[in-house]
Amino acid sequence: MKIMIVDDSKAMRMIVQRTLRQAGFGDHEVVEAENGAQALSALEKSPVDLVLSDWNMPEMSGIELLRGMRAKGLGGAFGFVTSEGTPPMRQQASEAGALFLIAKPFTAEAFEQVLRPVLT
């Protein structure tokens, strides 16, 4: 399976990728994008099975990315890995089609629990 990590922080993209490995998902192909606009452009050319996106990013936020994907008919599972996880954000994410929202700081166990049903 192919996973896209979308975050404006290179360090956070590396942490998310490491956590995927620690959670037992190291055998999946991983691609990266620095913001929602870059991700949407890449997804139009080469779809992925799962997008793990930050919420707050320059150019295009994670929620705008999700809405843009759905407006363009781009499928694939979508979840947020973000520092904020307020109930209104969770509701907005769910209504837009996100399967989950993992709040930072996160653990490999949290990734395994949330991603196992999505990636198997």
N, C-alpha and C. Protein backbone atom coordinates (compact mmCIF):
# COMPACT_ATOMS: atom_id res chain seq x y z
N MET A 1 0.83 -1.18 0.00
CA MET A 1 0.00 0.00 0.00
C MET A 1 0.88 1.25 0.00
N LYS A 2 0.30 2.32 -0.48
CA LYS A 2 1.04 3.58 -0.59
C LYS A 2 0.42 4.60 0.36
N ILE A 3 1.27 5.23 1.18
CA ILE A 3 0.84 6.21 2.18
C ILE A 3 1.50 7.54 1.88
N MET A 4 0.71 8.63 1.94
CA MET A 4 1.27 9.97 1.79
C MET A 4 1.21 10.67 3.14
N ILE A 5 2.34 11.23 3.56
CA ILE A 5 2.43 12.03 4.78
C ILE A 5 2.50 13.49 4.35
N VAL A 6 1.56 14.30 4.84
CA VAL A 6 1.49 15.71 4.46
C VAL A 6 1.67 16.56 5.72
N ASP A 7 2.77 17.28 5.79
CA ASP A 7 3.05 18.14 6.94
C ASP A 7 4.09 19.16 6.50
N ASP A 8 3.93 20.40 6.95
CA ASP A 8 4.88 21.44 6.55
C ASP A 8 6.21 21.32 7.29
N SER A 9 6.27 20.48 8.30
CA SER A 9 7.50 20.26 9.05
C SER A 9 8.18 18.97 8.60
N LYS A 10 9.38 19.09 8.04
CA LYS A 10 10.14 17.91 7.62
C LYS A 10 10.40 16.99 8.81
N ALA A 11 10.71 17.58 9.96
CA ALA A 11 10.95 16.77 11.16
C ALA A 11 9.71 15.96 11.53
N MET A 12 8.53 16.57 11.44
CA MET A 12 7.30 15.84 11.78
C MET A 12 7.02 14.75 10.77
N ARG A 13 7.29 15.00 9.49
CA ARG A 13 7.11 13.94 8.49
C ARG A 13 8.00 12.75 8.81
N MET A 14 9.23 13.03 9.26
CA MET A 14 10.15 11.96 9.62
C MET A 14 9.65 11.21 10.86
N ILE A 15 9.10 11.93 11.83
CA ILE A 15 8.57 11.30 13.05
C ILE A 15 7.38 10.41 12.71
N VAL A 16 6.49 10.91 11.86
CA VAL A 16 5.33 10.11 11.46
C VAL A 16 5.79 8.84 10.74
N GLN A 17 6.76 8.97 9.85
CA GLN A 17 7.27 7.79 9.14
C GLN A 17 7.91 6.80 10.11
N ARG A 18 8.68 7.29 11.06
CA ARG A 18 9.29 6.40 12.06
C ARG A 18 8.21 5.71 12.89
N THR A 19 7.18 6.44 13.26
CA THR A 19 6.10 5.87 14.06
C THR A 19 5.34 4.81 13.26
N LEU A 20 5.18 5.02 11.97
CA LEU A 20 4.56 3.99 11.13
C LEU A 20 5.38 2.70 11.19
N ARG A 21 6.70 2.82 11.09
CA ARG A 21 7.56 1.63 11.18
C ARG A 21 7.42 0.97 12.54
N GLN A 22 7.45 1.76 13.61
CA GLN A 22 7.33 1.22 14.97
C GLN A 22 5.99 0.53 15.19
N ALA A 23 4.97 0.99 14.50
CA ALA A 23 3.63 0.41 14.65
C ALA A 23 3.43 -0.82 13.76
N GLY A 24 4.46 -1.17 13.00
CA GLY A 24 4.38 -2.37 12.17
C GLY A 24 3.98 -2.13 10.73
N PHE A 25 4.03 -0.88 10.29
CA PHE A 25 3.63 -0.56 8.92
C PHE A 25 4.82 -0.11 8.07
N GLY A 26 6.00 -0.60 8.38
CA GLY A 26 7.21 -0.18 7.69
C GLY A 26 7.36 -0.72 6.29
N ASP A 27 6.51 -1.70 5.92
CA ASP A 27 6.64 -2.29 4.59
C ASP A 27 5.83 -1.56 3.53
N HIS A 28 5.13 -0.50 3.91
CA HIS A 28 4.34 0.27 2.97
C HIS A 28 5.20 1.36 2.31
N GLU A 29 4.89 1.67 1.06
CA GLU A 29 5.58 2.75 0.36
C GLU A 29 5.09 4.08 0.93
N VAL A 30 6.02 4.98 1.23
CA VAL A 30 5.67 6.28 1.81
C VAL A 30 6.16 7.39 0.89
N VAL A 31 5.27 8.34 0.61
CA VAL A 31 5.63 9.55 -0.12
C VAL A 31 5.27 10.73 0.76
N GLU A 32 5.85 11.89 0.47
CA GLU A 32 5.66 13.06 1.32
C GLU A 32 5.23 14.28 0.51
N ALA A 33 4.55 15.19 1.21
CA ALA A 33 4.21 16.50 0.64
C ALA A 33 4.32 17.52 1.76
N GLU A 34 4.71 18.76 1.39
CA GLU A 34 4.93 19.81 2.38
C GLU A 34 3.67 20.59 2.74
N ASN A 35 2.64 20.49 1.93
CA ASN A 35 1.39 21.20 2.22
C ASN A 35 0.27 20.59 1.40
N GLY A 36 -0.96 21.05 1.66
CA GLY A 36 -2.10 20.48 0.97
C GLY A 36 -2.08 20.70 -0.53
N ALA A 37 -1.63 21.87 -0.98
CA ALA A 37 -1.59 22.15 -2.41
C ALA A 37 -0.64 21.20 -3.13
N GLN A 38 0.53 21.00 -2.56
CA GLN A 38 1.51 20.07 -3.15
C GLN A 38 0.94 18.65 -3.15
N ALA A 39 0.29 18.28 -2.05
CA ALA A 39 -0.29 16.94 -1.94
C ALA A 39 -1.38 16.72 -2.99
N LEU A 40 -2.29 17.69 -3.13
CA LEU A 40 -3.39 17.55 -4.08
C LEU A 40 -2.86 17.40 -5.50
N SER A 41 -1.86 18.18 -5.85
CA SER A 41 -1.26 18.08 -7.18
C SER A 41 -0.66 16.69 -7.39
N ALA A 42 0.06 16.18 -6.39
CA ALA A 42 0.68 14.86 -6.50
C ALA A 42 -0.37 13.76 -6.57
N LEU A 43 -1.45 13.90 -5.81
CA LEU A 43 -2.49 12.88 -5.78
C LEU A 43 -3.25 12.80 -7.10
N GLU A 44 -3.34 13.91 -7.79
CA GLU A 44 -4.00 13.90 -9.11
C GLU A 44 -3.20 13.08 -10.11
N LYS A 45 -1.89 13.03 -9.91
CA LYS A 45 -1.01 12.29 -10.82
C LYS A 45 -0.82 10.85 -10.40
N SER A 46 -0.79 10.63 -9.08
CA SER A 46 -0.51 9.29 -8.56
C SER A 46 -1.26 9.09 -7.24
N PRO A 47 -2.40 8.40 -7.28
CA PRO A 47 -3.19 8.22 -6.07
C PRO A 47 -2.47 7.35 -5.04
N VAL A 48 -2.89 7.48 -3.80
CA VAL A 48 -2.35 6.68 -2.70
C VAL A 48 -3.52 5.99 -1.99
N ASP A 49 -3.19 5.05 -1.13
CA ASP A 49 -4.21 4.32 -0.37
C ASP A 49 -4.61 5.06 0.89
N LEU A 50 -3.68 5.82 1.46
CA LEU A 50 -3.94 6.53 2.71
C LEU A 50 -3.18 7.84 2.74
N VAL A 51 -3.85 8.90 3.17
CA VAL A 51 -3.21 10.20 3.40
C VAL A 51 -3.24 10.46 4.89
N LEU A 52 -2.07 10.76 5.46
CA LEU A 52 -1.94 11.19 6.86
C LEU A 52 -1.53 12.66 6.80
N SER A 53 -2.43 13.54 7.22
CA SER A 53 -2.20 14.97 7.02
C SER A 53 -2.27 15.76 8.31
N ASP A 54 -1.39 16.76 8.39
CA ASP A 54 -1.50 17.77 9.43
C ASP A 54 -2.72 18.62 9.09
N TRP A 55 -3.22 19.36 10.05
CA TRP A 55 -4.37 20.23 9.81
C TRP A 55 -3.91 21.61 9.35
N ASN A 56 -3.03 22.24 10.14
CA ASN A 56 -2.60 23.61 9.88
C ASN A 56 -1.31 23.62 9.08
N MET A 57 -1.43 24.11 7.83
CA MET A 57 -0.26 24.21 6.95
C MET A 57 -0.44 25.44 6.06
N PRO A 58 0.67 26.01 5.60
CA PRO A 58 0.56 27.12 4.63
C PRO A 58 0.08 26.58 3.29
N GLU A 59 -0.32 27.49 2.41
CA GLU A 59 -0.78 27.17 1.05
C GLU A 59 -2.17 26.56 1.03
N MET A 60 -2.34 25.42 1.72
CA MET A 60 -3.63 24.74 1.78
C MET A 60 -3.63 23.86 3.01
N SER A 61 -4.63 24.04 3.87
CA SER A 61 -4.71 23.27 5.11
C SER A 61 -5.10 21.82 4.82
N GLY A 62 -5.00 21.00 5.84
CA GLY A 62 -5.38 19.60 5.71
C GLY A 62 -6.86 19.43 5.40
N ILE A 63 -7.72 20.21 6.05
CA ILE A 63 -9.16 20.08 5.79
C ILE A 63 -9.47 20.55 4.37
N GLU A 64 -8.78 21.57 3.89
CA GLU A 64 -8.96 22.01 2.50
C GLU A 64 -8.48 20.94 1.52
N LEU A 65 -7.40 20.25 1.88
CA LEU A 65 -6.90 19.15 1.07
C LEU A 65 -7.95 18.05 0.97
N LEU A 66 -8.49 17.65 2.10
CA LEU A 66 -9.50 16.59 2.11
C LEU A 66 -10.70 16.98 1.26
N ARG A 67 -11.19 18.19 1.45
CA ARG A 67 -12.34 18.65 0.66
C ARG A 67 -12.00 18.73 -0.82
N GLY A 68 -10.78 19.18 -1.14
CA GLY A 68 -10.34 19.24 -2.53
C GLY A 68 -10.25 17.87 -3.17
N MET A 69 -9.75 16.89 -2.41
CA MET A 69 -9.67 15.52 -2.91
C MET A 69 -11.05 15.00 -3.24
N ARG A 70 -11.97 15.17 -2.34
CA ARG A 70 -13.32 14.65 -2.54
C ARG A 70 -14.03 15.38 -3.69
N ALA A 71 -13.80 16.69 -3.80
CA ALA A 71 -14.42 17.46 -4.88
C ALA A 71 -13.91 16.99 -6.25
N LYS A 72 -12.66 16.52 -6.29
CA LYS A 72 -12.08 16.05 -7.55
C LYS A 72 -12.30 14.55 -7.76
N GLY A 73 -13.03 13.93 -6.84
CA GLY A 73 -13.32 12.50 -6.97
C GLY A 73 -12.15 11.61 -6.63
N LEU A 74 -11.19 12.15 -5.88
CA LEU A 74 -10.02 11.34 -5.48
C LEU A 74 -10.36 10.56 -4.23
N GLY A 75 -10.26 9.26 -4.32
CA GLY A 75 -10.58 8.40 -3.20
C GLY A 75 -9.38 8.22 -2.29
N GLY A 76 -9.39 7.13 -1.58
CA GLY A 76 -8.33 6.83 -0.64
C GLY A 76 -8.73 7.23 0.77
N ALA A 77 -8.23 6.47 1.72
CA ALA A 77 -8.51 6.76 3.13
C ALA A 77 -7.76 8.03 3.53
N PHE A 78 -8.33 8.76 4.47
CA PHE A 78 -7.74 10.04 4.90
C PHE A 78 -7.87 10.15 6.41
N GLY A 79 -6.77 10.55 7.06
CA GLY A 79 -6.79 10.80 8.49
C GLY A 79 -5.87 11.94 8.84
N PHE A 80 -6.17 12.57 9.96
CA PHE A 80 -5.35 13.69 10.43
C PHE A 80 -4.40 13.24 11.53
N VAL A 81 -3.18 13.78 11.49
CA VAL A 81 -2.21 13.66 12.57
C VAL A 81 -1.84 15.11 12.88
N THR A 82 -2.41 15.64 13.95
CA THR A 82 -2.32 17.07 14.18
C THR A 82 -2.20 17.39 15.66
N SER A 83 -1.73 18.60 15.95
CA SER A 83 -1.54 19.00 17.35
C SER A 83 -2.84 19.41 18.01
N GLU A 84 -3.86 19.64 17.22
CA GLU A 84 -5.15 20.02 17.79
C GLU A 84 -6.16 18.91 17.56
N GLY A 85 -6.99 18.67 18.55
CA GLY A 85 -8.00 17.63 18.40
C GLY A 85 -9.26 17.99 19.14
N THR A 86 -9.70 19.23 19.00
CA THR A 86 -10.89 19.68 19.70
C THR A 86 -12.13 18.95 19.15
N PRO A 87 -13.17 18.85 19.94
CA PRO A 87 -14.40 18.21 19.43
C PRO A 87 -14.93 18.85 18.15
N PRO A 88 -14.94 20.20 18.02
CA PRO A 88 -15.41 20.77 16.75
C PRO A 88 -14.53 20.37 15.56
N MET A 89 -13.21 20.29 15.77
CA MET A 89 -12.32 19.86 14.69
C MET A 89 -12.59 18.41 14.32
N ARG A 90 -12.77 17.57 15.34
CA ARG A 90 -13.06 16.15 15.07
C ARG A 90 -14.35 16.01 14.28
N GLN A 91 -15.36 16.80 14.64
CA GLN A 91 -16.63 16.74 13.93
C GLN A 91 -16.47 17.21 12.49
N GLN A 92 -15.76 18.32 12.31
CA GLN A 92 -15.52 18.86 10.97
C GLN A 92 -14.76 17.84 10.12
N ALA A 93 -13.76 17.19 10.70
CA ALA A 93 -12.97 16.19 9.99
C ALA A 93 -13.87 15.01 9.57
N SER A 94 -14.67 14.54 10.49
CA SER A 94 -15.56 13.42 10.22
C SER A 94 -16.56 13.76 9.13
N GLU A 95 -17.15 14.94 9.21
CA GLU A 95 -18.14 15.36 8.22
C GLU A 95 -17.52 15.49 6.83
N ALA A 96 -16.23 15.84 6.77
CA ALA A 96 -15.55 15.98 5.48
C ALA A 96 -15.09 14.63 4.92
N GLY A 97 -15.14 13.59 5.75
CA GLY A 97 -14.78 12.26 5.27
C GLY A 97 -13.53 11.66 5.86
N ALA A 98 -12.93 12.31 6.86
CA ALA A 98 -11.75 11.74 7.50
C ALA A 98 -12.16 10.54 8.34
N LEU A 99 -11.34 9.51 8.34
CA LEU A 99 -11.62 8.31 9.12
C LEU A 99 -11.20 8.44 10.57
N PHE A 100 -10.21 9.31 10.82
CA PHE A 100 -9.70 9.45 12.19
C PHE A 100 -8.94 10.74 12.34
N LEU A 101 -8.68 11.10 13.58
CA LEU A 101 -7.83 12.24 13.93
C LEU A 101 -6.96 11.78 15.09
N ILE A 102 -5.67 11.68 14.85
CA ILE A 102 -4.71 11.31 15.89
C ILE A 102 -4.07 12.61 16.37
N ALA A 103 -4.19 12.87 17.67
CA ALA A 103 -3.64 14.11 18.23
C ALA A 103 -2.18 13.89 18.65
N LYS A 104 -1.35 14.91 18.39
CA LYS A 104 0.04 14.91 18.85
C LYS A 104 0.05 15.31 20.32
N PRO A 105 0.93 14.80 21.14
CA PRO A 105 1.90 13.74 20.82
C PRO A 105 1.20 12.39 20.70
N PHE A 106 1.72 11.54 19.85
CA PHE A 106 1.11 10.24 19.60
C PHE A 106 2.12 9.15 19.87
N THR A 107 1.62 7.92 19.92
CA THR A 107 2.48 6.76 20.17
C THR A 107 2.34 5.77 19.02
N ALA A 108 3.28 4.85 18.95
CA ALA A 108 3.19 3.78 17.95
C ALA A 108 1.94 2.95 18.21
N GLU A 109 1.58 2.78 19.48
CA GLU A 109 0.40 2.00 19.83
C GLU A 109 -0.87 2.67 19.30
N ALA A 110 -0.93 4.00 19.40
CA ALA A 110 -2.09 4.73 18.87
C ALA A 110 -2.17 4.55 17.36
N PHE A 111 -1.04 4.63 16.68
CA PHE A 111 -1.01 4.43 15.23
C PHE A 111 -1.48 3.03 14.89
N GLU A 112 -0.97 2.04 15.60
CA GLU A 112 -1.33 0.64 15.31
C GLU A 112 -2.82 0.43 15.48
N GLN A 113 -3.37 0.94 16.56
CA GLN A 113 -4.79 0.76 16.87
C GLN A 113 -5.68 1.41 15.80
N VAL A 114 -5.34 2.62 15.39
CA VAL A 114 -6.17 3.36 14.44
C VAL A 114 -5.95 2.87 13.01
N LEU A 115 -4.71 2.54 12.66
CA LEU A 115 -4.40 2.22 11.27
C LEU A 115 -4.58 0.76 10.89
N ARG A 116 -4.56 -0.13 11.86
CA ARG A 116 -4.70 -1.57 11.55
C ARG A 116 -5.94 -1.85 10.70
N PRO A 117 -7.13 -1.34 11.08
CA PRO A 117 -8.30 -1.62 10.24
C PRO A 117 -8.23 -0.98 8.84
N VAL A 118 -7.50 0.12 8.72
CA VAL A 118 -7.40 0.84 7.45
C VAL A 118 -6.41 0.17 6.52
N LEU A 119 -5.31 -0.33 7.06
CA LEU A 119 -4.23 -0.85 6.23
C LEU A 119 -4.21 -2.36 6.07
N THR A 120 -5.20 -3.05 6.62
CA THR A 120 -5.23 -4.52 6.45
C THR A 120 -6.47 -4.95 5.72
